[in-house]
């Protein structure tokens, strides 16, 4: 049986442990993030949301998820 490797990442400043082959899409899905209402930054670069399923998290990645708030 192959052991599933865990890695530590940081989401909005909090350390989270995920499995090694977790995509950014899977992470946002697990955290129940409404993708239409957020901007996602990975290691200080804005992520194109169309590519979330192709971006796999690596050890020590820093993810910032910023919610849009309407106002006027």
PDB file of N, CA and C in Angstrom:
ATOM      1  N   UNK A   1       0.835  -1.191   0.000  1.00  0.00           N
ATOM      2  CA  UNK A   1       0.000   0.000   0.000  1.00  0.00           C
ATOM      3  C   UNK A   1       0.881   1.257   0.000  1.00  0.00           C
ATOM      4  N   UNK A   2       0.598   2.165  -0.910  1.00  0.00           N
ATOM      5  CA  UNK A   2       1.393   3.383  -1.027  1.00  0.00           C
ATOM      6  C   UNK A   2       0.934   4.396   0.018  1.00  0.00           C
ATOM      7  N   UNK A   3       1.886   4.948   0.717  1.00  0.00           N
ATOM      8  CA  UNK A   3       1.576   5.931   1.752  1.00  0.00           C
ATOM      9  C   UNK A   3       1.274   7.279   1.090  1.00  0.00           C
ATOM     10  N   UNK A   4       0.206   7.908   1.536  1.00  0.00           N
ATOM     11  CA  UNK A   4      -0.150   9.221   0.994  1.00  0.00           C
ATOM     12  C   UNK A   4       0.659  10.268   1.746  1.00  0.00           C
ATOM     13  N   UNK A   5       1.424  11.019   1.003  1.00  0.00           N
ATOM     14  CA  UNK A   5       2.291  12.028   1.596  1.00  0.00           C
ATOM     15  C   UNK A   5       1.492  13.294   1.896  1.00  0.00           C
ATOM     16  N   UNK A   6       1.716  13.835   3.075  1.00  0.00           N
ATOM     17  CA  UNK A   6       1.044  15.078   3.474  1.00  0.00           C
ATOM     18  C   UNK A   6       2.036  16.224   3.375  1.00  0.00           C
ATOM     19  N   UNK A   7       1.529  17.388   2.984  1.00  0.00           N
ATOM     20  CA  UNK A   7       2.361  18.586   2.927  1.00  0.00           C
ATOM     21  C   UNK A   7       1.676  19.706   3.695  1.00  0.00           C
ATOM     22  N   UNK A   8       2.474  20.639   4.178  1.00  0.00           N
ATOM     23  CA  UNK A   8       1.927  21.797   4.879  1.00  0.00           C
ATOM     24  C   UNK A   8       1.924  22.989   3.931  1.00  0.00           C
ATOM     25  N   UNK A   9       0.796  23.672   3.894  1.00  0.00           N
ATOM     26  CA  UNK A   9       0.667  24.901   3.109  1.00  0.00           C
ATOM     27  C   UNK A   9       0.108  25.970   4.047  1.00  0.00           C
ATOM     28  N   UNK A  10       0.052  27.185   3.570  1.00  0.00           N
ATOM     29  CA  UNK A  10      -0.503  28.270   4.371  1.00  0.00           C
ATOM     30  C   UNK A  10      -1.660  28.894   3.591  1.00  0.00           C
ATOM     31  N   UNK A  11      -2.828  28.967   4.226  1.00  0.00           N
ATOM     32  CA  UNK A  11      -4.004  29.573   3.599  1.00  0.00           C
ATOM     33  C   UNK A  11      -4.423  30.755   4.464  1.00  0.00           C
ATOM     34  N   UNK A  12      -4.353  31.960   3.895  1.00  0.00           N
ATOM     35  CA  UNK A  12      -4.674  33.189   4.633  1.00  0.00           C
ATOM     36  C   UNK A  12      -3.973  33.227   5.987  1.00  0.00           C
ATOM     37  N   UNK A  13      -2.699  32.833   5.999  1.00  0.00           N
ATOM     38  CA  UNK A  13      -1.903  32.907   7.210  1.00  0.00           C
ATOM     39  C   UNK A  13      -1.994  31.713   8.143  1.00  0.00           C
ATOM     40  N   UNK A  14      -2.923  30.786   7.888  1.00  0.00           N
ATOM     41  CA  UNK A  14      -3.080  29.616   8.755  1.00  0.00           C
ATOM     42  C   UNK A  14      -2.474  28.384   8.094  1.00  0.00           C
ATOM     43  N   UNK A  15      -1.732  27.604   8.876  1.00  0.00           N
ATOM     44  CA  UNK A  15      -1.109  26.392   8.342  1.00  0.00           C
ATOM     45  C   UNK A  15      -2.178  25.316   8.170  1.00  0.00           C
ATOM     46  N   UNK A  16      -2.188  24.691   7.010  1.00  0.00           N
ATOM     47  CA  UNK A  16      -3.102  23.577   6.727  1.00  0.00           C
ATOM     48  C   UNK A  16      -2.270  22.422   6.199  1.00  0.00           C
ATOM     49  N   UNK A  17      -2.734  21.213   6.486  1.00  0.00           N
ATOM     50  CA  UNK A  17      -2.083  20.019   5.962  1.00  0.00           C
ATOM     51  C   UNK A  17      -3.003  19.414   4.907  1.00  0.00           C
ATOM     52  N   UNK A  18      -2.441  19.163   3.723  1.00  0.00           N
ATOM     53  CA  UNK A  18      -3.204  18.560   2.629  1.00  0.00           C
ATOM     54  C   UNK A  18      -2.384  17.411   2.056  1.00  0.00           C
ATOM     55  N   UNK A  19      -3.031  16.561   1.263  1.00  0.00           N
ATOM     56  CA  UNK A  19      -2.284  15.486   0.608  1.00  0.00           C
ATOM     57  C   UNK A  19      -1.487  16.081  -0.553  1.00  0.00           C
ATOM     58  N   UNK A  20      -0.421  15.401  -0.913  1.00  0.00           N
ATOM     59  CA  UNK A  20       0.539  15.924  -1.885  1.00  0.00           C
ATOM     60  C   UNK A  20      -0.063  16.279  -3.239  1.00  0.00           C
ATOM     61  N   UNK A  21      -1.006  15.523  -3.725  1.00  0.00           N
ATOM     62  CA  UNK A  21      -1.536  15.774  -5.070  1.00  0.00           C
ATOM     63  C   UNK A  21      -2.841  16.573  -5.045  1.00  0.00           C
ATOM     64  N   UNK A  22      -2.959  17.501  -4.110  1.00  0.00           N
ATOM     65  CA  UNK A  22      -4.160  18.335  -4.013  1.00  0.00           C
ATOM     66  C   UNK A  22      -4.056  19.491  -5.000  1.00  0.00           C
ATOM     67  N   UNK A  23      -5.108  19.670  -5.796  1.00  0.00           N
ATOM     68  CA  UNK A  23      -5.123  20.809  -6.730  1.00  0.00           C
ATOM     69  C   UNK A  23      -5.709  22.015  -6.005  1.00  0.00           C
ATOM     70  N   UNK A  24      -5.449  23.179  -6.544  1.00  0.00           N
ATOM     71  CA  UNK A  24      -6.000  24.402  -5.970  1.00  0.00           C
ATOM     72  C   UNK A  24      -7.528  24.362  -6.035  1.00  0.00           C
ATOM     73  N   UNK A  25      -8.070  23.740  -7.079  1.00  0.00           N
ATOM     74  CA  UNK A  25      -9.530  23.602  -7.203  1.00  0.00           C
ATOM     75  C   UNK A  25     -10.081  22.752  -6.055  1.00  0.00           C
ATOM     76  N   UNK A  26      -9.422  21.625  -5.786  1.00  0.00           N
ATOM     77  CA  UNK A  26      -9.869  20.737  -4.715  1.00  0.00           C
ATOM     78  C   UNK A  26      -9.814  21.446  -3.356  1.00  0.00           C
ATOM     79  N   UNK A  27      -8.757  22.215  -3.131  1.00  0.00           N
ATOM     80  CA  UNK A  27      -8.632  22.967  -1.882  1.00  0.00           C
ATOM     81  C   UNK A  27      -9.784  23.951  -1.719  1.00  0.00           C
ATOM     82  N   UNK A  28     -10.057  24.747  -2.761  1.00  0.00           N
ATOM     83  CA  UNK A  28     -11.133  25.743  -2.655  1.00  0.00           C
ATOM     84  C   UNK A  28     -12.485  25.059  -2.506  1.00  0.00           C
ATOM     85  N   UNK A  29     -12.647  23.917  -3.152  1.00  0.00           N
ATOM     86  CA  UNK A  29     -13.880  23.146  -3.030  1.00  0.00           C
ATOM     87  C   UNK A  29     -14.061  22.627  -1.598  1.00  0.00           C
ATOM     88  N   UNK A  30     -12.992  22.064  -1.022  1.00  0.00           N
ATOM     89  CA  UNK A  30     -13.044  21.539   0.346  1.00  0.00           C
ATOM     90  C   UNK A  30     -13.320  22.641   1.369  1.00  0.00           C
ATOM     91  N   UNK A  31     -12.822  23.845   1.090  1.00  0.00           N
ATOM     92  CA  UNK A  31     -13.031  24.970   2.006  1.00  0.00           C
ATOM     93  C   UNK A  31     -14.356  25.687   1.733  1.00  0.00           C
ATOM     94  N   UNK A  32     -15.106  25.173   0.750  1.00  0.00           N
ATOM     95  CA  UNK A  32     -16.400  25.756   0.348  1.00  0.00           C
ATOM     96  C   UNK A  32     -16.272  27.247   0.001  1.00  0.00           C
ATOM     97  N   UNK A  33     -15.269  27.543  -0.804  1.00  0.00           N
ATOM     98  CA  UNK A  33     -15.011  28.915  -1.246  1.00  0.00           C
ATOM     99  C   UNK A  33     -15.876  29.205  -2.479  1.00  0.00           C
ATOM    100  N   UNK A  34     -16.691  30.266  -2.434  1.00  0.00           N
ATOM    101  CA  UNK A  34     -17.489  30.626  -3.628  1.00  0.00           C
ATOM    102  C   UNK A  34     -16.581  31.304  -4.660  1.00  0.00           C
ATOM    103  N   UNK A  35     -16.164  30.552  -5.673  1.00  0.00           N
ATOM    104  CA  UNK A  35     -15.153  31.037  -6.624  1.00  0.00           C
ATOM    105  C   UNK A  35     -15.542  32.325  -7.344  1.00  0.00           C
ATOM    106  N   UNK A  36     -16.837  32.566  -7.525  1.00  0.00           N
ATOM    107  CA  UNK A  36     -17.257  33.778  -8.228  1.00  0.00           C
ATOM    108  C   UNK A  36     -17.004  35.034  -7.392  1.00  0.00           C
ATOM    109  N   UNK A  37     -16.830  34.855  -6.076  1.00  0.00           N
ATOM    110  CA  UNK A  37     -16.724  36.014  -5.184  1.00  0.00           C
ATOM    111  C   UNK A  37     -15.340  36.194  -4.570  1.00  0.00           C
ATOM    112  N   UNK A  38     -14.330  35.535  -5.131  1.00  0.00           N
ATOM    113  CA  UNK A  38     -12.994  35.642  -4.545  1.00  0.00           C
ATOM    114  C   UNK A  38     -11.915  35.835  -5.610  1.00  0.00           C
ATOM    115  N   UNK A  39     -10.779  36.341  -5.147  1.00  0.00           N
ATOM    116  CA  UNK A  39      -9.546  36.352  -5.943  1.00  0.00           C
ATOM    117  C   UNK A  39      -8.594  35.431  -5.199  1.00  0.00           C
ATOM    118  N   UNK A  40      -7.829  34.638  -5.940  1.00  0.00           N
ATOM    119  CA  UNK A  40      -6.914  33.681  -5.318  1.00  0.00           C
ATOM    120  C   UNK A  40      -5.490  34.012  -5.733  1.00  0.00           C
ATOM    121  N   UNK A  41      -4.636  34.084  -4.727  1.00  0.00           N
ATOM    122  CA  UNK A  41      -3.229  34.383  -4.953  1.00  0.00           C
ATOM    123  C   UNK A  41      -2.413  33.192  -4.463  1.00  0.00           C
ATOM    124  N   UNK A  42      -1.498  32.728  -5.287  1.00  0.00           N
ATOM    125  CA  UNK A  42      -0.607  31.625  -4.919  1.00  0.00           C
ATOM    126  C   UNK A  42       0.820  32.147  -4.979  1.00  0.00           C
ATOM    127  N   UNK A  43       1.484  32.153  -3.824  1.00  0.00           N
ATOM    128  CA  UNK A  43       2.854  32.661  -3.732  1.00  0.00           C
ATOM    129  C   UNK A  43       2.989  34.047  -4.369  1.00  0.00           C
ATOM    130  N   UNK A  44       2.076  34.929  -4.008  1.00  0.00           N
ATOM    131  CA  UNK A  44       2.054  36.340  -4.415  1.00  0.00           C
ATOM    132  C   UNK A  44       1.767  36.577  -5.892  1.00  0.00           C
ATOM    133  N   UNK A  45       1.177  35.568  -6.563  1.00  0.00           N
ATOM    134  CA  UNK A  45       0.756  35.758  -7.959  1.00  0.00           C
ATOM    135  C   UNK A  45      -0.738  35.434  -8.057  1.00  0.00           C
ATOM    136  N   UNK A  46      -1.487  36.306  -8.717  1.00  0.00           N
ATOM    137  CA  UNK A  46      -2.912  36.068  -8.917  1.00  0.00           C
ATOM    138  C   UNK A  46      -3.089  34.857  -9.833  1.00  0.00           C
ATOM    139  N   UNK A  47      -4.014  33.972  -9.460  1.00  0.00           N
ATOM    140  CA  UNK A  47      -4.240  32.738 -10.211  1.00  0.00           C
ATOM    141  C   UNK A  47      -5.438  32.915 -11.142  1.00  0.00           C
ATOM    142  N   UNK A  48      -5.282  32.469 -12.378  1.00  0.00           N
ATOM    143  CA  UNK A  48      -6.398  32.428 -13.321  1.00  0.00           C
ATOM    144  C   UNK A  48      -7.308  31.275 -12.896  1.00  0.00           C
ATOM    145  N   UNK A  49      -8.556  31.581 -12.551  1.00  0.00           N
ATOM    146  CA  UNK A  49      -9.454  30.549 -12.009  1.00  0.00           C
ATOM    147  C   UNK A  49      -9.742  29.417 -12.997  1.00  0.00           C
ATOM    148  N   UNK A  50      -9.530  29.655 -14.294  1.00  0.00           N
ATOM    149  CA  UNK A  50      -9.725  28.586 -15.284  1.00  0.00           C
ATOM    150  C   UNK A  50      -8.659  27.503 -15.142  1.00  0.00           C
ATOM    151  N   UNK A  51      -7.552  27.818 -14.455  1.00  0.00           N
ATOM    152  CA  UNK A  51      -6.438  26.876 -14.332  1.00  0.00           C
ATOM    153  C   UNK A  51      -6.381  26.182 -12.971  1.00  0.00           C
ATOM    154  N   UNK A  52      -7.381  26.393 -12.120  1.00  0.00           N
ATOM    155  CA  UNK A  52      -7.346  25.835 -10.762  1.00  0.00           C
ATOM    156  C   UNK A  52      -7.174  24.322 -10.725  1.00  0.00           C
ATOM    157  N   UNK A  53      -7.769  23.607 -11.682  1.00  0.00           N
ATOM    158  CA  UNK A  53      -7.669  22.143 -11.672  1.00  0.00           C
ATOM    159  C   UNK A  53      -6.289  21.664 -12.110  1.00  0.00           C
ATOM    160  N   UNK A  54      -5.519  22.541 -12.763  1.00  0.00           N
ATOM    161  CA  UNK A  54      -4.200  22.145 -13.262  1.00  0.00           C
ATOM    162  C   UNK A  54      -3.063  22.547 -12.331  1.00  0.00           C
ATOM    163  N   UNK A  55      -3.378  23.331 -11.286  1.00  0.00           N
ATOM    164  CA  UNK A  55      -2.344  23.811 -10.366  1.00  0.00           C
ATOM    165  C   UNK A  55      -2.348  22.922  -9.120  1.00  0.00           C
ATOM    166  N   UNK A  56      -1.231  22.232  -8.900  1.00  0.00           N
ATOM    167  CA  UNK A  56      -1.116  21.340  -7.744  1.00  0.00           C
ATOM    168  C   UNK A  56      -0.269  22.000  -6.674  1.00  0.00           C
ATOM    169  N   UNK A  57      -0.726  21.872  -5.456  1.00  0.00           N
ATOM    170  CA  UNK A  57      -0.045  22.519  -4.339  1.00  0.00           C
ATOM    171  C   UNK A  57       1.258  21.817  -3.996  1.00  0.00           C
ATOM    172  N   UNK A  58       2.234  22.616  -3.594  1.00  0.00           N
ATOM    173  CA  UNK A  58       3.536  22.102  -3.192  1.00  0.00           C
ATOM    174  C   UNK A  58       3.798  22.525  -1.751  1.00  0.00           C
ATOM    175  N   UNK A  59       4.719  21.842  -1.126  1.00  0.00           N
ATOM    176  CA  UNK A  59       5.088  22.137   0.259  1.00  0.00           C
ATOM    177  C   UNK A  59       5.419  23.622   0.417  1.00  0.00           C
ATOM    178  N   UNK A  60       4.901  24.206   1.481  1.00  0.00           N
ATOM    179  CA  UNK A  60       5.146  25.617   1.849  1.00  0.00           C
ATOM    180  C   UNK A  60       4.526  26.645   0.899  1.00  0.00           C
ATOM    181  N   UNK A  61       3.601  26.231   0.019  1.00  0.00           N
ATOM    182  CA  UNK A  61       2.891  27.208  -0.801  1.00  0.00           C
ATOM    183  C   UNK A  61       2.106  28.139   0.112  1.00  0.00           C
ATOM    184  N   UNK A  62       1.991  29.398  -0.308  1.00  0.00           N
ATOM    185  CA  UNK A  62       1.200  30.378   0.445  1.00  0.00           C
ATOM    186  C   UNK A  62       0.033  30.811  -0.430  1.00  0.00           C
ATOM    187  N   UNK A  63      -1.162  30.565   0.056  1.00  0.00           N
ATOM    188  CA  UNK A  63      -2.373  30.899  -0.683  1.00  0.00           C
ATOM    189  C   UNK A  63      -3.111  31.994   0.073  1.00  0.00           C
ATOM    190  N   UNK A  64      -3.497  33.030  -0.640  1.00  0.00           N
ATOM    191  CA  UNK A  64      -4.328  34.075  -0.060  1.00  0.00           C
ATOM    192  C   UNK A  64      -5.625  34.084  -0.843  1.00  0.00           C
ATOM    193  N   UNK A  65      -6.729  34.017  -0.127  1.00  0.00           N
ATOM    194  CA  UNK A  65      -8.048  34.036  -0.760  1.00  0.00           C
ATOM    195  C   UNK A  65      -8.754  35.303  -0.268  1.00  0.00           C
ATOM    196  N   UNK A  66      -9.040  36.203  -1.214  1.00  0.00           N
ATOM    197  CA  UNK A  66      -9.613  37.491  -0.870  1.00  0.00           C
ATOM    198  C   UNK A  66     -11.055  37.547  -1.382  1.00  0.00           C
ATOM    199  N   UNK A  67     -11.974  37.820  -0.456  1.00  0.00           N
ATOM    200  CA  UNK A  67     -13.391  37.917  -0.825  1.00  0.00           C
ATOM    201  C   UNK A  67     -13.697  39.323  -1.322  1.00  0.00           C
ATOM    202  N   UNK A  68     -14.476  39.394  -2.398  1.00  0.00           N
ATOM    203  CA  UNK A  68     -14.938  40.696  -2.892  1.00  0.00           C
ATOM    204  C   UNK A  68     -16.129  41.128  -2.049  1.00  0.00           C
ATOM    205  N   UNK A  69     -16.130  42.394  -1.676  1.00  0.00           N
ATOM    206  CA  UNK A  69     -17.255  42.916  -0.908  1.00  0.00           C
ATOM    207  C   UNK A  69     -17.803  44.109  -1.685  1.00  0.00           C
ATOM    208  N   UNK A  70     -19.097  44.023  -2.023  1.00  0.00           N
ATOM    209  CA  UNK A  70     -19.726  45.103  -2.769  1.00  0.00           C
ATOM    210  C   UNK A  70     -19.998  46.278  -1.858  1.00  0.00           C
ATOM    211  N   UNK A  71     -20.038  47.431  -2.419  1.00  0.00           N
ATOM    212  CA  UNK A  71     -20.336  48.636  -1.642  1.00  0.00           C
ATOM    213  C   UNK A  71     -20.542  49.790  -2.582  1.00  0.00           C
ATOM    214  N   UNK A  72     -20.868  50.926  -1.996  1.00  0.00           N
ATOM    215  CA  UNK A  72     -21.079  52.029  -2.906  1.00  0.00           C
ATOM    216  C   UNK A  72     -21.064  53.352  -2.285  1.00  0.00           C
TER     217      UNK A  72
END
